[in-house]
């Protein structure tokens, strides 16, 4: 029985969050606008929106990571059980 690489599994679990944060960063640039004179007016709301978007990713990341840890844990324990059963 092969077990998945835990680091690879955890990295894959974080990919959706990384994508969402990068998209939020791109949106921050768009929200700031192209006129440097207006940045002092747009920075506050743009940063608030960016911060809120990133903060909303925490539960998503936690869920994805916990699922990945759980599947890795189950796989490891199943391997140990199979190994012990083979020796019994």
C-alpha atoms as a PDB file:
ATOM      1  CA  UNK A   1       0.000   0.000   0.000  1.00  0.00           C
ATOM      2  CA  UNK A   2       1.485   3.338  -0.970  1.00  0.00           C
ATOM      3  CA  UNK A   3       1.001   6.334   1.232  1.00  0.00           C
ATOM      4  CA  UNK A   4       0.789   9.855  -0.137  1.00  0.00           C
ATOM      5  CA  UNK A   5       3.627  12.253   0.564  1.00  0.00           C
ATOM      6  CA  UNK A   6       2.330  14.395   3.480  1.00  0.00           C
ATOM      7  CA  UNK A   7       4.178  17.536   2.344  1.00  0.00           C
ATOM      8  CA  UNK A   8       2.829  17.226  -1.179  1.00  0.00           C
ATOM      9  CA  UNK A   9      -0.675  16.628   0.151  1.00  0.00           C
ATOM     10  CA  UNK A  10      -0.504  19.701   2.405  1.00  0.00           C
ATOM     11  CA  UNK A  11       0.904  21.839  -0.409  1.00  0.00           C
ATOM     12  CA  UNK A  12      -1.939  20.784  -2.683  1.00  0.00           C
ATOM     13  CA  UNK A  13      -4.435  21.641   0.055  1.00  0.00           C
ATOM     14  CA  UNK A  14      -3.088  25.196   0.203  1.00  0.00           C
ATOM     15  CA  UNK A  15      -3.226  25.853  -3.551  1.00  0.00           C
ATOM     16  CA  UNK A  16      -6.835  27.170  -3.654  1.00  0.00           C
ATOM     17  CA  UNK A  17      -6.037  29.634  -0.867  1.00  0.00           C
ATOM     18  CA  UNK A  18      -2.855  30.799  -2.597  1.00  0.00           C
ATOM     19  CA  UNK A  19      -4.801  31.367  -5.805  1.00  0.00           C
ATOM     20  CA  UNK A  20      -7.493  33.350  -3.973  1.00  0.00           C
ATOM     21  CA  UNK A  21      -4.906  35.545  -2.232  1.00  0.00           C
ATOM     22  CA  UNK A  22      -3.097  36.240  -5.505  1.00  0.00           C
ATOM     23  CA  UNK A  23      -6.414  37.144  -7.143  1.00  0.00           C
ATOM     24  CA  UNK A  24      -7.165  39.464  -4.212  1.00  0.00           C
ATOM     25  CA  UNK A  25      -3.758  41.093  -4.678  1.00  0.00           C
ATOM     26  CA  UNK A  26      -4.514  41.657  -8.345  1.00  0.00           C
ATOM     27  CA  UNK A  27      -7.884  43.140  -7.385  1.00  0.00           C
ATOM     28  CA  UNK A  28      -6.159  45.415  -4.849  1.00  0.00           C
ATOM     29  CA  UNK A  29      -4.056  46.878  -7.650  1.00  0.00           C
ATOM     30  CA  UNK A  30      -7.199  47.413  -9.727  1.00  0.00           C
ATOM     31  CA  UNK A  31      -9.045  48.975  -6.778  1.00  0.00           C
ATOM     32  CA  UNK A  32      -6.221  51.429  -6.163  1.00  0.00           C
ATOM     33  CA  UNK A  33      -6.722  52.707  -9.700  1.00  0.00           C
ATOM     34  CA  UNK A  34      -4.317  54.034 -12.254  1.00  0.00           C
ATOM     35  CA  UNK A  35      -4.337  57.676 -11.143  1.00  0.00           C
ATOM     36  CA  UNK A  36      -1.598  58.201  -8.529  1.00  0.00           C
ATOM     37  CA  UNK A  37      -3.331  61.354  -7.316  1.00  0.00           C
ATOM     38  CA  UNK A  38      -6.393  59.340  -6.263  1.00  0.00           C
ATOM     39  CA  UNK A  39      -4.495  56.602  -4.398  1.00  0.00           C
ATOM     40  CA  UNK A  40      -4.828  58.401  -1.034  1.00  0.00           C
ATOM     41  CA  UNK A  41      -8.598  58.301  -1.544  1.00  0.00           C
ATOM     42  CA  UNK A  42      -8.804  54.710  -2.770  1.00  0.00           C
ATOM     43  CA  UNK A  43      -6.146  53.113  -0.539  1.00  0.00           C
ATOM     44  CA  UNK A  44      -8.290  52.799   2.601  1.00  0.00           C
ATOM     45  CA  UNK A  45     -11.267  51.025   1.044  1.00  0.00           C
ATOM     46  CA  UNK A  46      -9.035  48.967  -1.267  1.00  0.00           C
ATOM     47  CA  UNK A  47      -6.880  47.738   1.620  1.00  0.00           C
ATOM     48  CA  UNK A  48      -9.956  46.982   3.723  1.00  0.00           C
ATOM     49  CA  UNK A  49     -11.421  44.900   0.913  1.00  0.00           C
ATOM     50  CA  UNK A  50      -8.093  43.115   0.382  1.00  0.00           C
ATOM     51  CA  UNK A  51      -7.657  42.376   4.097  1.00  0.00           C
ATOM     52  CA  UNK A  52     -11.204  41.047   4.417  1.00  0.00           C
ATOM     53  CA  UNK A  53     -10.766  38.824   1.367  1.00  0.00           C
ATOM     54  CA  UNK A  54      -7.532  37.373   2.716  1.00  0.00           C
ATOM     55  CA  UNK A  55      -8.987  36.878   6.204  1.00  0.00           C
ATOM     56  CA  UNK A  56     -11.923  34.975   4.718  1.00  0.00           C
ATOM     57  CA  UNK A  57      -9.447  32.468   3.316  1.00  0.00           C
ATOM     58  CA  UNK A  58      -8.408  31.298   6.809  1.00  0.00           C
ATOM     59  CA  UNK A  59     -11.378  28.939   7.308  1.00  0.00           C
ATOM     60  CA  UNK A  60     -10.958  27.578   3.776  1.00  0.00           C
ATOM     61  CA  UNK A  61      -7.264  26.934   4.366  1.00  0.00           C
ATOM     62  CA  UNK A  62      -7.912  25.350   7.761  1.00  0.00           C
ATOM     63  CA  UNK A  63     -10.562  23.034   6.320  1.00  0.00           C
ATOM     64  CA  UNK A  64      -8.387  22.002   3.383  1.00  0.00           C
ATOM     65  CA  UNK A  65      -5.333  21.441   5.566  1.00  0.00           C
ATOM     66  CA  UNK A  66      -7.301  19.464   8.173  1.00  0.00           C
ATOM     67  CA  UNK A  67      -8.759  17.260   5.450  1.00  0.00           C
ATOM     68  CA  UNK A  68      -5.273  16.644   4.046  1.00  0.00           C
ATOM     69  CA  UNK A  69      -3.859  15.862   7.484  1.00  0.00           C
ATOM     70  CA  UNK A  70      -6.770  13.545   8.201  1.00  0.00           C
ATOM     71  CA  UNK A  71      -6.325  11.562   5.003  1.00  0.00           C
ATOM     72  CA  UNK A  72      -2.565  11.285   5.559  1.00  0.00           C
ATOM     73  CA  UNK A  73      -3.180  10.180   9.147  1.00  0.00           C
ATOM     74  CA  UNK A  74      -5.735   7.572   8.069  1.00  0.00           C
ATOM     75  CA  UNK A  75      -3.372   6.255   5.420  1.00  0.00           C
ATOM     76  CA  UNK A  76      -0.500   5.933   7.911  1.00  0.00           C
ATOM     77  CA  UNK A  77      -2.624   4.212  10.545  1.00  0.00           C
ATOM     78  CA  UNK A  78      -4.063   1.823   7.947  1.00  0.00           C
ATOM     79  CA  UNK A  79      -0.502   0.953   6.921  1.00  0.00           C
ATOM     80  CA  UNK A  80       0.488   0.244  10.524  1.00  0.00           C
ATOM     81  CA  UNK A  81      -2.598  -1.918  11.045  1.00  0.00           C
ATOM     82  CA  UNK A  82      -1.879  -3.900   7.873  1.00  0.00           C
ATOM     83  CA  UNK A  83       1.744  -4.333   8.916  1.00  0.00           C
ATOM     84  CA  UNK A  84       0.783  -5.606  12.358  1.00  0.00           C
ATOM     85  CA  UNK A  85      -1.878  -7.901  10.955  1.00  0.00           C
ATOM     86  CA  UNK A  86       0.663  -9.401   8.564  1.00  0.00           C
ATOM     87  CA  UNK A  87       2.943 -10.199  11.521  1.00  0.00           C
ATOM     88  CA  UNK A  88       0.159 -11.725  13.645  1.00  0.00           C
END
